[in-house]
Amino acid sequence: QVQLVESGGGLVQPGGSLRLSCAASASISIIPVMGWYRQAPGKQRELVASISSGGSTNYADSVKGRFTISRDNAQNTMYLQMGSLKPEDTAVYYCNAVPWLMNYWGQGTQVTVSS
């Protein structure tokens, strides 16, 4: 069973950047599509970016052009480079498969965008 651990969150000012990492305890090459999800206070968890094992990517309209998802199957790690951050990007960010699997949810990493 793969365990996913998110890291890289923090407090950043509007317009700033952060890079999130998702480290897997086993090979992620067996997961055809992986994604980054986020959940803001009082809102449902949403998928913001996904990437296939072949490198095809998709983004939610709200982050398109600002976020870049990538994965390194050899290192069993996925990344989310976030730029031009806005206060509305504040949320706990999680990585998981797409569609998500219950056993893959980790603790997430908090991203707070505030001046």
PDB file of N, CA and C in Angstrom:
ATOM      1  N   GLN A   1       0.844  -1.197   0.000  1.00  0.00           N
ATOM      2  CA  GLN A   1       0.000   0.000   0.000  1.00  0.00           C
ATOM      3  C   GLN A   1       0.874   1.239   0.000  1.00  0.00           C
ATOM      4  N   VAL A   2       0.575   2.159  -0.885  1.00  0.00           N
ATOM      5  CA  VAL A   2       1.358   3.379  -0.997  1.00  0.00           C
ATOM      6  C   VAL A   2       0.891   4.391   0.024  1.00  0.00           C
ATOM      7  N   GLN A   3       1.850   5.003   0.724  1.00  0.00           N
ATOM      8  CA  GLN A   3       1.557   6.125   1.604  1.00  0.00           C
ATOM      9  C   GLN A   3       2.105   7.387   0.968  1.00  0.00           C
ATOM     10  N   LEU A   4       1.303   8.455   1.010  1.00  0.00           N
ATOM     11  CA  LEU A   4       1.680   9.726   0.404  1.00  0.00           C
ATOM     12  C   LEU A   4       1.850  10.767   1.490  1.00  0.00           C
ATOM     13  N   VAL A   5       2.948  11.521   1.429  1.00  0.00           N
ATOM     14  CA  VAL A   5       3.229  12.543   2.429  1.00  0.00           C
ATOM     15  C   VAL A   5       3.475  13.863   1.720  1.00  0.00           C
ATOM     16  N   GLU A   6       2.638  14.840   2.044  1.00  0.00           N
ATOM     17  CA  GLU A   6       2.749  16.164   1.447  1.00  0.00           C
ATOM     18  C   GLU A   6       3.641  17.062   2.301  1.00  0.00           C
ATOM     19  N   SER A   7       4.349  17.972   1.646  1.00  0.00           N
ATOM     20  CA  SER A   7       5.182  18.939   2.353  1.00  0.00           C
ATOM     21  C   SER A   7       5.381  20.165   1.480  1.00  0.00           C
ATOM     22  N   GLY A   8       5.911  21.219   2.088  1.00  0.00           N
ATOM     23  CA  GLY A   8       6.245  22.411   1.332  1.00  0.00           C
ATOM     24  C   GLY A   8       5.316  23.589   1.522  1.00  0.00           C
ATOM     25  N   GLY A   9       4.252  23.394   2.277  1.00  0.00           N
ATOM     26  CA  GLY A   9       3.327  24.489   2.497  1.00  0.00           C
ATOM     27  C   GLY A   9       3.907  25.541   3.427  1.00  0.00           C
ATOM     28  N   GLY A  10       3.156  26.621   3.583  1.00  0.00           N
ATOM     29  CA  GLY A  10       3.608  27.682   4.464  1.00  0.00           C
ATOM     30  C   GLY A  10       2.806  28.941   4.264  1.00  0.00           C
ATOM     31  N   LEU A  11       3.293  30.016   4.859  1.00  0.00           N
ATOM     32  CA  LEU A  11       2.665  31.323   4.746  1.00  0.00           C
ATOM     33  C   LEU A  11       3.415  32.120   3.682  1.00  0.00           C
ATOM     34  N   VAL A  12       2.682  32.655   2.746  1.00  0.00           N
ATOM     35  CA  VAL A  12       3.296  33.423   1.662  1.00  0.00           C
ATOM     36  C   VAL A  12       2.432  34.631   1.362  1.00  0.00           C
ATOM     37  N   GLN A  13       3.059  35.683   0.913  1.00  0.00           N
ATOM     38  CA  GLN A  13       2.319  36.893   0.560  1.00  0.00           C
ATOM     39  C   GLN A  13       1.659  36.747  -0.805  1.00  0.00           C
ATOM     40  N   PRO A  14       0.594  37.473  -1.045  1.00  0.00           N
ATOM     41  CA  PRO A  14      -0.028  37.448  -2.378  1.00  0.00           C
ATOM     42  C   PRO A  14       1.010  37.767  -3.449  1.00  0.00           C
ATOM     43  N   GLY A  15       0.942  37.001  -4.535  1.00  0.00           N
ATOM     44  CA  GLY A  15       1.919  37.149  -5.602  1.00  0.00           C
ATOM     45  C   GLY A  15       3.132  36.271  -5.450  1.00  0.00           C
ATOM     46  N   GLY A  16       3.271  35.632  -4.301  1.00  0.00           N
ATOM     47  CA  GLY A  16       4.426  34.786  -4.042  1.00  0.00           C
ATOM     48  C   GLY A  16       4.311  33.400  -4.638  1.00  0.00           C
ATOM     49  N   SER A  17       5.326  32.592  -4.343  1.00  0.00           N
ATOM     50  CA  SER A  17       5.397  31.240  -4.902  1.00  0.00           C
ATOM     51  C   SER A  17       5.701  30.222  -3.810  1.00  0.00           C
ATOM     52  N   LEU A  18       5.263  28.995  -4.060  1.00  0.00           N
ATOM     53  CA  LEU A  18       5.591  27.866  -3.203  1.00  0.00           C
ATOM     54  C   LEU A  18       5.708  26.629  -4.075  1.00  0.00           C
ATOM     55  N   ARG A  19       6.492  25.678  -3.600  1.00  0.00           N
ATOM     56  CA  ARG A  19       6.582  24.399  -4.284  1.00  0.00           C
ATOM     57  C   ARG A  19       6.219  23.293  -3.304  1.00  0.00           C
ATOM     58  N   LEU A  20       5.159  22.587  -3.623  1.00  0.00           N
ATOM     59  CA  LEU A  20       4.714  21.467  -2.795  1.00  0.00           C
ATOM     60  C   LEU A  20       5.310  20.163  -3.319  1.00  0.00           C
ATOM     61  N   SER A  21       5.572  19.261  -2.391  1.00  0.00           N
ATOM     62  CA  SER A  21       6.067  17.939  -2.758  1.00  0.00           C
ATOM     63  C   SER A  21       5.148  16.867  -2.194  1.00  0.00           C
ATOM     64  N   CYS A  22       5.060  15.778  -2.901  1.00  0.00           N
ATOM     65  CA  CYS A  22       4.284  14.616  -2.473  1.00  0.00           C
ATOM     66  C   CYS A  22       5.200  13.409  -2.598  1.00  0.00           C
ATOM     67  N   ALA A  23       5.663  12.907  -1.467  1.00  0.00           N
ATOM     68  CA  ALA A  23       6.590  11.777  -1.464  1.00  0.00           C
ATOM     69  C   ALA A  23       5.825  10.487  -1.201  1.00  0.00           C
ATOM     70  N   ALA A  24       6.075   9.495  -2.022  1.00  0.00           N
ATOM     71  CA  ALA A  24       5.394   8.208  -1.896  1.00  0.00           C
ATOM     72  C   ALA A  24       6.317   7.168  -1.273  1.00  0.00           C
ATOM     73  N   SER A  25       5.708   6.258  -0.506  1.00  0.00           N
ATOM     74  CA  SER A  25       6.491   5.226   0.170  1.00  0.00           C
ATOM     75  C   SER A  25       6.818   4.060  -0.759  1.00  0.00           C
ATOM     76  N   ALA A  26       6.186   4.052  -1.926  1.00  0.00           N
ATOM     77  CA  ALA A  26       6.433   2.999  -2.898  1.00  0.00           C
ATOM     78  C   ALA A  26       6.310   3.593  -4.290  1.00  0.00           C
ATOM     79  N   SER A  27       6.485   2.773  -5.272  1.00  0.00           N
ATOM     80  CA  SER A  27       6.476   3.264  -6.644  1.00  0.00           C
ATOM     81  C   SER A  27       5.145   3.905  -7.016  1.00  0.00           C
ATOM     82  N   ILE A  28       5.233   5.087  -7.619  1.00  0.00           N
ATOM     83  CA  ILE A  28       4.030   5.756  -8.098  1.00  0.00           C
ATOM     84  C   ILE A  28       3.759   5.424  -9.558  1.00  0.00           C
ATOM     85  N   SER A  29       4.640   4.667 -10.152  1.00  0.00           N
ATOM     86  CA  SER A  29       4.438   4.321 -11.563  1.00  0.00           C
ATOM     87  C   SER A  29       3.201   3.455 -11.746  1.00  0.00           C
ATOM     88  N   ILE A  30       2.738   2.843 -10.638  1.00  0.00           N
ATOM     89  CA  ILE A  30       1.534   2.013 -10.720  1.00  0.00           C
ATOM     90  C   ILE A  30       0.262   2.853 -10.663  1.00  0.00           C
ATOM     91  N   ILE A  31       0.403   4.136 -10.385  1.00  0.00           N
ATOM     92  CA  ILE A  31      -0.756   5.038 -10.303  1.00  0.00           C
ATOM     93  C   ILE A  31      -0.850   5.786 -11.622  1.00  0.00           C
ATOM     94  N   PRO A  32      -1.814   5.447 -12.470  1.00  0.00           N
ATOM     95  CA  PRO A  32      -1.868   6.043 -13.812  1.00  0.00           C
ATOM     96  C   PRO A  32      -1.998   7.565 -13.807  1.00  0.00           C
ATOM     97  N   VAL A  33      -2.882   8.070 -12.944  1.00  0.00           N
ATOM     98  CA  VAL A  33      -3.077   9.513 -12.864  1.00  0.00           C
ATOM     99  C   VAL A  33      -3.000   9.937 -11.403  1.00  0.00           C
ATOM    100  N   MET A  34      -2.198  10.943 -11.145  1.00  0.00           N
ATOM    101  CA  MET A  34      -2.097  11.506  -9.802  1.00  0.00           C
ATOM    102  C   MET A  34      -2.533  12.963  -9.843  1.00  0.00           C
ATOM    103  N   GLY A  35      -2.925  13.461  -8.679  1.00  0.00           N
ATOM    104  CA  GLY A  35      -3.396  14.830  -8.652  1.00  0.00           C
ATOM    105  C   GLY A  35      -3.160  15.526  -7.329  1.00  0.00           C
ATOM    106  N   TRP A  36      -3.275  16.836  -7.384  1.00  0.00           N
ATOM    107  CA  TRP A  36      -3.256  17.673  -6.193  1.00  0.00           C
ATOM    108  C   TRP A  36      -4.676  18.166  -5.955  1.00  0.00           C
ATOM    109  N   TYR A  37      -5.108  18.018  -4.742  1.00  0.00           N
ATOM    110  CA  TYR A  37      -6.410  18.484  -4.316  1.00  0.00           C
ATOM    111  C   TYR A  37      -6.200  19.556  -3.241  1.00  0.00           C
ATOM    112  N   ARG A  38      -7.227  20.357  -3.020  1.00  0.00           N
ATOM    113  CA  ARG A  38      -7.163  21.308  -1.920  1.00  0.00           C
ATOM    114  C   ARG A  38      -8.537  21.459  -1.286  1.00  0.00           C
ATOM    115  N   GLN A  39      -8.504  21.814  -0.013  1.00  0.00           N
ATOM    116  CA  GLN A  39      -9.746  22.048   0.713  1.00  0.00           C
ATOM    117  C   GLN A  39      -9.596  23.307   1.546  1.00  0.00           C
ATOM    118  N   ALA A  40     -10.397  24.284   1.217  1.00  0.00           N
ATOM    119  CA  ALA A  40     -10.423  25.531   1.971  1.00  0.00           C
ATOM    120  C   ALA A  40     -11.461  25.417   3.081  1.00  0.00           C
ATOM    121  N   PRO A  41     -11.324  26.210   4.130  1.00  0.00           N
ATOM    122  CA  PRO A  41     -12.292  26.155   5.231  1.00  0.00           C
ATOM    123  C   PRO A  41     -13.716  26.343   4.736  1.00  0.00           C
ATOM    124  N   GLY A  42     -14.592  25.439   5.128  1.00  0.00           N
ATOM    125  CA  GLY A  42     -15.991  25.544   4.760  1.00  0.00           C
ATOM    126  C   GLY A  42     -16.314  25.152   3.342  1.00  0.00           C
ATOM    127  N   LYS A  43     -15.334  24.645   2.618  1.00  0.00           N
ATOM    128  CA  LYS A  43     -15.561  24.266   1.223  1.00  0.00           C
ATOM    129  C   LYS A  43     -15.235  22.800   1.006  1.00  0.00           C
ATOM    130  N   GLN A  44     -15.746  22.268  -0.086  1.00  0.00           N
ATOM    131  CA  GLN A  44     -15.459  20.883  -0.425  1.00  0.00           C
ATOM    132  C   GLN A  44     -14.053  20.758  -1.000  1.00  0.00           C
ATOM    133  N   ARG A  45     -13.497  19.574  -0.847  1.00  0.00           N
ATOM    134  CA  ARG A  45     -12.193  19.308  -1.430  1.00  0.00           C
ATOM    135  C   ARG A  45     -12.328  19.310  -2.951  1.00  0.00           C
ATOM    136  N   GLU A  46     -11.377  19.947  -3.631  1.00  0.00           N
ATOM    137  CA  GLU A  46     -11.439  20.038  -5.076  1.00  0.00           C
ATOM    138  C   GLU A  46     -10.113  19.624  -5.702  1.00  0.00           C
ATOM    139  N   LEU A  47     -10.202  19.091  -6.902  1.00  0.00           N
ATOM    140  CA  LEU A  47      -9.017  18.729  -7.661  1.00  0.00           C
ATOM    141  C   LEU A  47      -8.509  19.969  -8.387  1.00  0.00           C
ATOM    142  N   VAL A  48      -7.249  20.311  -8.196  1.00  0.00           N
ATOM    143  CA  VAL A  48      -6.722  21.506  -8.856  1.00  0.00           C
ATOM    144  C   VAL A  48      -5.787  21.176 -10.010  1.00  0.00           C
ATOM    145  N   ALA A  49      -5.152  20.021  -9.977  1.00  0.00           N
ATOM    146  CA  ALA A  49      -4.236  19.662 -11.055  1.00  0.00           C
ATOM    147  C   ALA A  49      -4.043  18.148 -11.077  1.00  0.00           C
ATOM    148  N   SER A  50      -3.858  17.607 -12.263  1.00  0.00           N
ATOM    149  CA  SER A  50      -3.612  16.176 -12.388  1.00  0.00           C
ATOM    150  C   SER A  50      -2.547  15.931 -13.443  1.00  0.00           C
ATOM    151  N   ILE A  51      -1.905  14.770 -13.330  1.00  0.00           N
ATOM    152  CA  ILE A  51      -0.861  14.405 -14.282  1.00  0.00           C
ATOM    153  C   ILE A  51      -0.869  12.902 -14.477  1.00  0.00           C
ATOM    154  N   SER A  52      -0.788  12.492 -15.725  1.00  0.00           N
ATOM    155  CA  SER A  52      -0.764  11.068 -16.033  1.00  0.00           C
ATOM    156  C   SER A  52       0.668  10.543 -15.934  1.00  0.00           C
ATOM    157  N   SER A  53       0.802   9.246 -15.972  1.00  0.00           N
ATOM    158  CA  SER A  53       2.139   8.654 -15.925  1.00  0.00           C
ATOM    159  C   SER A  53       2.957   9.041 -17.152  1.00  0.00           C
ATOM    160  N   GLY A  54       2.261   9.402 -18.211  1.00  0.00           N
ATOM    161  CA  GLY A  54       2.942   9.829 -19.424  1.00  0.00           C
ATOM    162  C   GLY A  54       3.243  11.310 -19.475  1.00  0.00           C
ATOM    163  N   GLY A  55       2.751  12.037 -18.464  1.00  0.00           N
ATOM    164  CA  GLY A  55       3.059  13.464 -18.383  1.00  0.00           C
ATOM    165  C   GLY A  55       1.963  14.406 -18.853  1.00  0.00           C
ATOM    166  N   SER A  56       0.836  13.887 -19.248  1.00  0.00           N
ATOM    167  CA  SER A  56      -0.271  14.763 -19.646  1.00  0.00           C
ATOM    168  C   SER A  56      -0.863  15.426 -18.414  1.00  0.00           C
ATOM    169  N   THR A  57      -1.126  16.722 -18.535  1.00  0.00           N
ATOM    170  CA  THR A  57      -1.589  17.482 -17.371  1.00  0.00           C
ATOM    171  C   THR A  57      -2.939  18.150 -17.631  1.00  0.00           C
ATOM    172  N   ASN A  58      -3.650  18.378 -16.539  1.00  0.00           N
ATOM    173  CA  ASN A  58      -4.900  19.130 -16.568  1.00  0.00           C
ATOM    174  C   ASN A  58      -4.958  20.013 -15.332  1.00  0.00           C
ATOM    175  N   TYR A  59      -5.582  21.165 -15.489  1.00  0.00           N
ATOM    176  CA  TYR A  59      -5.663  22.116 -14.400  1.00  0.00           C
ATOM    177  C   TYR A  59      -7.079  22.661 -14.262  1.00  0.00           C
ATOM    178  N   ALA A  60      -7.446  22.972 -13.033  1.00  0.00           N
ATOM    179  CA  ALA A  60      -8.683  23.691 -12.803  1.00  0.00           C
ATOM    180  C   ALA A  60      -8.517  25.095 -13.361  1.00  0.00           C
ATOM    181  N   ASP A  61      -9.608  25.659 -13.830  1.00  0.00           N
ATOM    182  CA  ASP A  61      -9.539  27.003 -14.411  1.00  0.00           C
ATOM    183  C   ASP A  61      -8.965  28.019 -13.422  1.00  0.00           C
ATOM    184  N   SER A  62      -9.236  27.815 -12.150  1.00  0.00           N
ATOM    185  CA  SER A  62      -8.815  28.777 -11.134  1.00  0.00           C
ATOM    186  C   SER A  62      -7.294  28.847 -10.962  1.00  0.00           C
ATOM    187  N   VAL A  63      -6.571  27.812 -11.408  1.00  0.00           N
ATOM    188  CA  VAL A  63      -5.115  27.800 -11.224  1.00  0.00           C
ATOM    189  C   VAL A  63      -4.354  27.740 -12.539  1.00  0.00           C
ATOM    190  N   LYS A  64      -5.078  27.617 -13.626  1.00  0.00           N
ATOM    191  CA  LYS A  64      -4.431  27.481 -14.928  1.00  0.00           C
ATOM    192  C   LYS A  64      -3.534  28.686 -15.200  1.00  0.00           C
ATOM    193  N   GLY A  65      -2.320  28.411 -15.634  1.00  0.00           N
ATOM    194  CA  GLY A  65      -1.373  29.473 -15.916  1.00  0.00           C
ATOM    195  C   GLY A  65      -0.568  29.915 -14.719  1.00  0.00           C
ATOM    196  N   ARG A  66      -0.955  29.464 -13.530  1.00  0.00           N
ATOM    197  CA  ARG A  66      -0.231  29.864 -12.321  1.00  0.00           C
ATOM    198  C   ARG A  66       0.440  28.667 -11.633  1.00  0.00           C
ATOM    199  N   PHE A  67      -0.163  27.489 -11.759  1.00  0.00           N
ATOM    200  CA  PHE A  67       0.352  26.283 -11.121  1.00  0.00           C
ATOM    201  C   PHE A  67       0.890  25.335 -12.182  1.00  0.00           C
ATOM    202  N   THR A  68       1.930  24.588 -11.804  1.00  0.00           N
ATOM    203  CA  THR A  68       2.492  23.566 -12.682  1.00  0.00           C
ATOM    204  C   THR A  68       2.692  22.280 -11.897  1.00  0.00           C
ATOM    205  N   ILE A  69       2.093  21.211 -12.397  1.00  0.00           N
ATOM    206  CA  ILE A  69       2.218  19.906 -11.757  1.00  0.00           C
ATOM    207  C   ILE A  69       3.272  19.088 -12.497  1.00  0.00           C
ATOM    208  N   SER A  70       4.024  18.310 -11.742  1.00  0.00           N
ATOM    209  CA  SER A  70       5.021  17.425 -12.358  1.00  0.00           C
ATOM    210  C   SER A  70       5.182  16.190 -11.482  1.00  0.00           C
ATOM    211  N   ARG A  71       5.731  15.153 -12.072  1.00  0.00           N
ATOM    212  CA  ARG A  71       5.970  13.937 -11.302  1.00  0.00           C
ATOM    213  C   ARG A  71       7.283  13.318 -11.735  1.00  0.00           C
ATOM    214  N   ASP A  72       7.957  12.713 -10.782  1.00  0.00           N
ATOM    215  CA  ASP A  72       9.219  12.022 -11.038  1.00  0.00           C
ATOM    216  C   ASP A  72       9.030  10.581 -10.583  1.00  0.00           C
ATOM    217  N   ASN A  73       8.690   9.733 -11.521  1.00  0.00           N
ATOM    218  CA  ASN A  73       8.406   8.340 -11.170  1.00  0.00           C
ATOM    219  C   ASN A  73       9.634   7.649 -10.579  1.00  0.00           C
ATOM    220  N   ALA A  74      10.820   8.028 -11.013  1.00  0.00           N
ATOM    221  CA  ALA A  74      12.041   7.394 -10.504  1.00  0.00           C
ATOM    222  C   ALA A  74      12.263   7.728  -9.035  1.00  0.00           C
ATOM    223  N   GLN A  75      11.861   8.941  -8.644  1.00  0.00           N
ATOM    224  CA  GLN A  75      12.009   9.384  -7.248  1.00  0.00           C
ATOM    225  C   GLN A  75      10.727   9.196  -6.443  1.00  0.00           C
ATOM    226  N   ASN A  76       9.708   8.665  -7.095  1.00  0.00           N
ATOM    227  CA  ASN A  76       8.418   8.452  -6.418  1.00  0.00           C
ATOM    228  C   ASN A  76       7.894   9.729  -5.774  1.00  0.00           C
ATOM    229  N   THR A  77       7.975  10.818  -6.514  1.00  0.00           N
ATOM    230  CA  THR A  77       7.588  12.117  -5.985  1.00  0.00           C
ATOM    231  C   THR A  77       6.808  12.897  -7.029  1.00  0.00           C
ATOM    232  N   MET A  78       5.838  13.645  -6.533  1.00  0.00           N
ATOM    233  CA  MET A  78       5.064  14.547  -7.379  1.00  0.00           C
ATOM    234  C   MET A  78       5.202  15.946  -6.804  1.00  0.00           C
ATOM    235  N   TYR A  79       5.117  16.936  -7.664  1.00  0.00           N
ATOM    236  CA  TYR A  79       5.305  18.317  -7.248  1.00  0.00           C
ATOM    237  C   TYR A  79       4.165  19.197  -7.734  1.00  0.00           C
ATOM    238  N   LEU A  80       4.005  20.319  -7.047  1.00  0.00           N
ATOM    239  CA  LEU A  80       3.096  21.363  -7.507  1.00  0.00           C
ATOM    240  C   LEU A  80       3.812  22.690  -7.303  1.00  0.00           C
ATOM    241  N   GLN A  81       4.226  23.289  -8.409  1.00  0.00           N
ATOM    242  CA  GLN A  81       4.832  24.613  -8.368  1.00  0.00           C
ATOM    243  C   GLN A  81       3.709  25.631  -8.471  1.00  0.00           C
ATOM    244  N   MET A  82       3.593  26.464  -7.457  1.00  0.00           N
ATOM    245  CA  MET A  82       2.509  27.438  -7.399  1.00  0.00           C
ATOM    246  C   MET A  82       3.096  28.840  -7.481  1.00  0.00           C
ATOM    247  N   GLY A  83       2.575  29.641  -8.385  1.00  0.00           N
ATOM    248  CA  GLY A  83       3.030  31.010  -8.539  1.00  0.00           C
ATOM    249  C   GLY A  83       1.858  31.973  -8.562  1.00  0.00           C
ATOM    250  N   SER A  84       2.173  33.251  -8.463  1.00  0.00           N
ATOM    251  CA  SER A  84       1.140  34.310  -8.461  1.00  0.00           C
ATOM    252  C   SER A  84       0.024  33.956  -7.500  1.00  0.00           C
ATOM    253  N   LEU A  85       0.413  33.556  -6.309  1.00  0.00           N
ATOM    254  CA  LEU A  85      -0.571  33.062  -5.341  1.00  0.00           C
ATOM    255  C   LEU A  85      -1.530  34.155  -4.907  1.00  0.00           C
ATOM    256  N   LYS A  86      -2.769  33.741  -4.678  1.00  0.00           N
ATOM    257  CA  LYS A  86      -3.834  34.640  -4.278  1.00  0.00           C
ATOM    258  C   LYS A  86      -4.384  34.197  -2.924  1.00  0.00           C
ATOM    259  N   PRO A  87      -5.007  35.094  -2.196  1.00  0.00           N
ATOM    260  CA  PRO A  87      -5.608  34.697  -0.917  1.00  0.00           C
ATOM    261  C   PRO A  87      -6.584  33.529  -1.071  1.00  0.00           C
ATOM    262  N   GLU A  88      -7.278  33.464  -2.191  1.00  0.00           N
ATOM    263  CA  GLU A  88      -8.230  32.369  -2.395  1.00  0.00           C
ATOM    264  C   GLU A  88      -7.563  31.021  -2.641  1.00  0.00           C
ATOM    265  N   ASP A  89      -6.239  30.998  -2.754  1.00  0.00           N
ATOM    266  CA  ASP A  89      -5.522  29.724  -2.850  1.00  0.00           C
ATOM    267  C   ASP A  89      -5.262  29.126  -1.463  1.00  0.00           C
ATOM    268  N   THR A  90      -5.600  29.870  -0.435  1.00  0.00           N
ATOM    269  CA  THR A  90      -5.419  29.370   0.925  1.00  0.00           C
ATOM    270  C   THR A  90      -6.255  28.120   1.145  1.00  0.00           C
ATOM    271  N   ALA A  91      -5.586  27.050   1.563  1.00  0.00           N
ATOM    272  CA  ALA A  91      -6.251  25.766   1.745  1.00  0.00           C
ATOM    273  C   ALA A  91      -5.238  24.751   2.256  1.00  0.00           C
ATOM    274  N   VAL A  92      -5.749  23.597   2.635  1.00  0.00           N
ATOM    275  CA  VAL A  92      -4.881  22.448   2.873  1.00  0.00           C
ATOM    276  C   VAL A  92      -4.780  21.686   1.554  1.00  0.00           C
ATOM    277  N   TYR A  93      -3.568  21.411   1.134  1.00  0.00           N
ATOM    278  CA  TYR A  93      -3.326  20.737  -0.134  1.00  0.00           C
ATOM    279  C   TYR A  93      -2.950  19.280   0.109  1.00  0.00           C
ATOM    280  N   TYR A  94      -3.567  18.408  -0.689  1.00  0.00           N
ATOM    281  CA  TYR A  94      -3.351  16.975  -0.587  1.00  0.00           C
ATOM    282  C   TYR A  94      -2.976  16.398  -1.949  1.00  0.00           C
ATOM    283  N   CYS A  95      -2.239  15.316  -1.919  1.00  0.00           N
ATOM    284  CA  CYS A  95      -2.013  14.569  -3.153  1.00  0.00           C
ATOM    285  C   CYS A  95      -2.725  13.222  -3.051  1.00  0.00           C
ATOM    286  N   ASN A  96      -3.102  12.694  -4.192  1.00  0.00           N
ATOM    287  CA  ASN A  96      -3.814  11.425  -4.235  1.00  0.00           C
ATOM    288  C   ASN A  96      -3.860  10.967  -5.678  1.00  0.00           C
ATOM    289  N   ALA A  97      -4.416   9.810  -5.868  1.00  0.00           N
ATOM    290  CA  ALA A  97      -4.667   9.344  -7.226  1.00  0.00           C
ATOM    291  C   ALA A  97      -5.888  10.085  -7.762  1.00  0.00           C
ATOM    292  N   VAL A  98      -6.102   9.959  -9.054  1.00  0.00           N
ATOM    293  CA  VAL A  98      -7.304  10.497  -9.693  1.00  0.00           C
ATOM    294  C   VAL A  98      -7.961   9.351 -10.458  1.00  0.00           C
ATOM    295  N   PRO A  99      -9.185   8.947 -10.117  1.00  0.00           N
ATOM    296  CA  PRO A  99      -9.953   9.419  -8.970  1.00  0.00           C
ATOM    297  C   PRO A  99      -9.293   9.009  -7.647  1.00  0.00           C
ATOM    298  N   TRP A 100      -9.654   9.742  -6.600  1.00  0.00           N
ATOM    299  CA  TRP A 100      -8.948   9.524  -5.331  1.00  0.00           C
ATOM    300  C   TRP A 100      -9.288   8.172  -4.732  1.00  0.00           C
ATOM    301  N   LEU A 101      -8.335   7.708  -3.906  1.00  0.00           N
ATOM    302  CA  LEU A 101      -8.499   6.466  -3.171  1.00  0.00           C
ATOM    303  C   LEU A 101      -8.422   6.786  -1.680  1.00  0.00           C
ATOM    304  N   MET A 102      -9.364   6.252  -0.931  1.00  0.00           N
ATOM    305  CA  MET A 102      -9.464   6.579   0.494  1.00  0.00           C
ATOM    306  C   MET A 102      -8.151   6.334   1.221  1.00  0.00           C
ATOM    307  N   ASN A 103      -7.503   5.219   0.924  1.00  0.00           N
ATOM    308  CA  ASN A 103      -6.295   4.857   1.658  1.00  0.00           C
ATOM    309  C   ASN A 103      -5.099   5.744   1.341  1.00  0.00           C
ATOM    310  N   TYR A 104      -5.208   6.556   0.334  1.00  0.00           N
ATOM    311  CA  TYR A 104      -4.074   7.398  -0.066  1.00  0.00           C
ATOM    312  C   TYR A 104      -4.075   8.780   0.595  1.00  0.00           C
ATOM    313  N   TRP A 105      -5.173   9.145   1.248  1.00  0.00           N
ATOM    314  CA  TRP A 105      -5.195  10.490   1.831  1.00  0.00           C
ATOM    315  C   TRP A 105      -4.160  10.599   2.939  1.00  0.00           C
ATOM    316  N   GLY A 106      -3.380  11.685   2.879  1.00  0.00           N
ATOM    317  CA  GLY A 106      -2.416  11.971   3.930  1.00  0.00           C
ATOM    318  C   GLY A 106      -2.909  13.122   4.786  1.00  0.00           C
ATOM    319  N   GLN A 107      -1.972  13.742   5.505  1.00  0.00           N
ATOM    320  CA  GLN A 107      -2.336  14.845   6.393  1.00  0.00           C
ATOM    321  C   GLN A 107      -2.462  16.162   5.659  1.00  0.00           C
ATOM    322  N   GLY A 108      -1.898  16.224   4.472  1.00  0.00           N
ATOM    323  CA  GLY A 108      -1.953  17.459   3.716  1.00  0.00           C
ATOM    324  C   GLY A 108      -0.918  18.462   4.198  1.00  0.00           C
ATOM    325  N   THR A 109      -0.811  19.552   3.470  1.00  0.00           N
ATOM    326  CA  THR A 109       0.100  20.627   3.849  1.00  0.00           C
ATOM    327  C   THR A 109      -0.636  21.950   3.700  1.00  0.00           C
ATOM    328  N   GLN A 110      -0.550  22.779   4.722  1.00  0.00           N
ATOM    329  CA  GLN A 110      -1.308  24.038   4.759  1.00  0.00           C
ATOM    330  C   GLN A 110      -0.601  25.102   3.936  1.00  0.00           C
ATOM    331  N   VAL A 111      -1.358  25.735   3.073  1.00  0.00           N
ATOM    332  CA  VAL A 111      -0.880  26.895   2.320  1.00  0.00           C
ATOM    333  C   VAL A 111      -1.740  28.079   2.718  1.00  0.00           C
ATOM    334  N   THR A 112      -1.104  29.121   3.181  1.00  0.00           N
ATOM    335  CA  THR A 112      -1.811  30.337   3.577  1.00  0.00           C
ATOM    336  C   THR A 112      -1.232  31.511   2.811  1.00  0.00           C
ATOM    337  N   VAL A 113      -2.094  32.183   2.073  1.00  0.00           N
ATOM    338  CA  VAL A 113      -1.683  33.342   1.286  1.00  0.00           C
ATOM    339  C   VAL A 113      -2.290  34.581   1.933  1.00  0.00           C
ATOM    340  N   SER A 114      -1.427  35.388   2.509  1.00  0.00           N
ATOM    341  CA  SER A 114      -1.916  36.548   3.251  1.00  0.00           C
ATOM    342  C   SER A 114      -0.801  37.572   3.384  1.00  0.00           C
ATOM    343  N   SER A 115      -1.214  38.820   3.402  1.00  0.00           N
ATOM    344  CA  SER A 115      -0.245  39.882   3.619  1.00  0.00           C
ATOM    345  C   SER A 115      -0.166  40.239   5.103  1.00  0.00           C
TER     346      SER A 115
END
